[in-house]
Protein backbone atom coordinates (compact mmCIF):
# COMPACT_ATOMS: atom_id res chain seq x y z
CA MET A 1 -31.02 -15.25 -28.23
CA PRO A 2 -32.81 -16.48 -31.07
CA ARG A 3 -34.24 -19.70 -31.39
CA ARG A 4 -32.97 -22.27 -33.98
CA SER A 5 -35.18 -23.83 -36.08
CA PRO A 6 -36.24 -27.60 -35.90
CA VAL A 7 -33.86 -28.07 -39.40
CA VAL A 8 -30.76 -27.04 -37.78
CA TRP A 9 -31.46 -29.25 -34.82
CA ARG A 10 -32.13 -32.34 -37.11
CA SER A 11 -28.94 -31.84 -39.23
CA PHE A 12 -27.02 -31.31 -36.21
CA PHE A 13 -27.95 -34.80 -34.57
CA SER A 14 -27.89 -36.11 -37.78
CA VAL A 15 -24.22 -35.36 -38.02
CA LEU A 16 -23.64 -36.11 -34.62
CA LEU A 17 -25.25 -40.11 -34.87
CA LEU A 18 -22.91 -39.91 -38.19
CA VAL A 19 -20.05 -39.35 -36.49
CA SER A 20 -20.55 -41.23 -33.33
CA LEU A 21 -21.45 -44.31 -35.97
CA ALA A 22 -18.26 -43.69 -37.75
CA GLY A 23 -16.31 -44.17 -34.51
CA CYS A 24 -17.89 -47.70 -33.99
CA GLY A 25 -16.29 -49.65 -36.40
CA ARG A 26 -15.31 -53.00 -36.12
CA PHE A 27 -12.69 -54.96 -37.65
CA ALA A 28 -11.37 -58.47 -37.63
CA VAL A 29 -7.77 -59.08 -36.65
CA ARG A 30 -5.50 -60.67 -39.14
CA PRO A 31 -3.87 -63.72 -38.89
CA ASN A 32 -0.29 -62.13 -38.73
CA GLU A 33 -1.40 -59.81 -36.02
CA LYS A 34 -2.72 -62.73 -33.39
CA GLU A 35 0.74 -63.49 -32.62
CA HIS A 36 0.65 -60.20 -30.68
CA LEU A 37 -2.26 -61.13 -28.77
CA ALA A 38 -0.96 -64.62 -28.06
CA ASP A 39 2.06 -63.05 -26.35
CA ARG A 40 3.20 -64.36 -22.75
CA THR A 41 2.74 -60.93 -21.21
CA MET A 42 -0.88 -61.21 -22.14
CA ARG A 43 -1.58 -64.38 -19.95
CA PHE A 44 -3.58 -64.17 -16.84
CA ASP A 45 -1.66 -66.43 -14.79
CA GLY A 46 1.41 -63.89 -14.83
CA ASP A 47 4.52 -64.46 -13.25
CA GLN A 48 5.19 -67.46 -11.03
CA GLN A 49 7.54 -65.67 -8.30
CA GLU A 50 4.75 -63.50 -7.93
CA ILE A 51 2.04 -66.05 -7.81
CA ALA A 52 3.94 -67.91 -5.04
CA ALA A 53 4.45 -64.18 -3.09
CA GLU A 54 0.79 -63.70 -3.25
CA GLU A 55 -0.05 -67.30 -1.95
CA HIS A 56 2.23 -67.03 0.79
CA VAL A 57 0.78 -63.85 1.98
CA LEU A 58 -2.76 -65.35 1.80
CA GLU A 59 -1.74 -68.28 3.71
CA SER A 60 -0.27 -66.08 6.40
CA ARG A 61 -3.33 -63.92 6.48
CA GLU A 62 -5.70 -66.77 6.20
CA GLY A 63 -3.83 -69.10 8.79
CA SER A 64 -4.34 -71.81 5.99
CA ALA A 65 -1.71 -73.41 3.56
CA GLY A 66 -2.14 -75.76 0.53
CA GLY A 67 -5.42 -76.83 -1.23
CA ARG A 68 -4.45 -74.78 -4.46
CA GLY A 69 -4.36 -77.72 -7.03
CA THR A 70 -7.32 -79.86 -5.52
CA GLY A 71 -10.44 -80.60 -6.88
CA ALA A 72 -12.34 -81.70 -3.73
CA GLY A 73 -14.33 -79.34 -1.33
CA GLY A 74 -12.20 -79.77 1.76
CA CYS A 75 -14.51 -82.45 3.33
CA GLY A 76 -12.03 -85.34 1.95
CA CYS A 77 -14.31 -86.96 -0.40
CA ASN A 78 -13.38 -86.91 -4.06
């Protein structure tokens, strides 16, 4: 099998570099497309019934209840 010349390898890597850089294009989201990103399904908090079910399972597993909305550390001092 004959060896390829350095020119062939250089051109191969140049084409590979150009193709990879072309695939990394960055574009901004237009203002009229932002409404799709602000959809309710894109929020992290999710469904309220699902959250309540997960908290119930956590309370049953850990043997504790409440303390979700407070800012204290559990010592009673705010």
